[in-house]
């Protein structure tokens, strides 16, 4: 059973009268509880692909199925609802809200997307604060914690809605070597505990080394896939 199936995906952008192909004929499958990396040079289509998977954009051609839903058929409102139910995001610049505490940043998706009752919110946020080792920092604001701590908070925030899938765009770009490995280890621990699939778009060899499946994009096409094994796996089709 695949969590995600891309079947001959294409994505074009129109710039004036010029059509620019960002993705061309991309096909692959990803299983639940996978740890997957998409690699390739800048402009290869990695971020475009994550935007399609995350329902932030639609493919021009082909079929993209996530959690048994053809996400290319969703309108903007339906896409937002689907994201809230199934997908979490982790960004290289953390994207924490500076006016909210660590606790409030993690809680925020439950208020905005799910409208989860207060006691359930408290249980989820407290459990994740413990899981990422930030319980003692819960009342601090983002400018009072380190980059590694911010990314731990971002991991917890991405997982608080119990998503099937977390999309991470260059999540270690602003972290030093040791902190990056710590955060990657945390993500794997969270994958094992919550059975969440993590999909990375990255240039970082540390992530590539930790990924169990590696897809290579070049000039908008899938140039190969390497499955190193593990608890989850992806495969090209």
Foldseek 3Di string as FASTA:
>chain_A
DFQKWWAQFWAWDDDPPDIATQAGGFTKTWHFLFQEEEEEDPSLNLVVVVCCVLLVDATPDTFMAGRNDRSNPDDPVRSLLCNLQAEFEAEQVLPFDQVAFLLCSLLVSCVVHVVDDPVLSVVLSCVLCVLLVNNVRRGHGPVVDDLLVSRSSSLSSRPSSLHQEYEYEANCVPPDDVSSLVSVVSVSVCSVVSRHYYYYYHNDVVSVVVGQKYWYGGSNYTPDMDGNDDPITMTGD
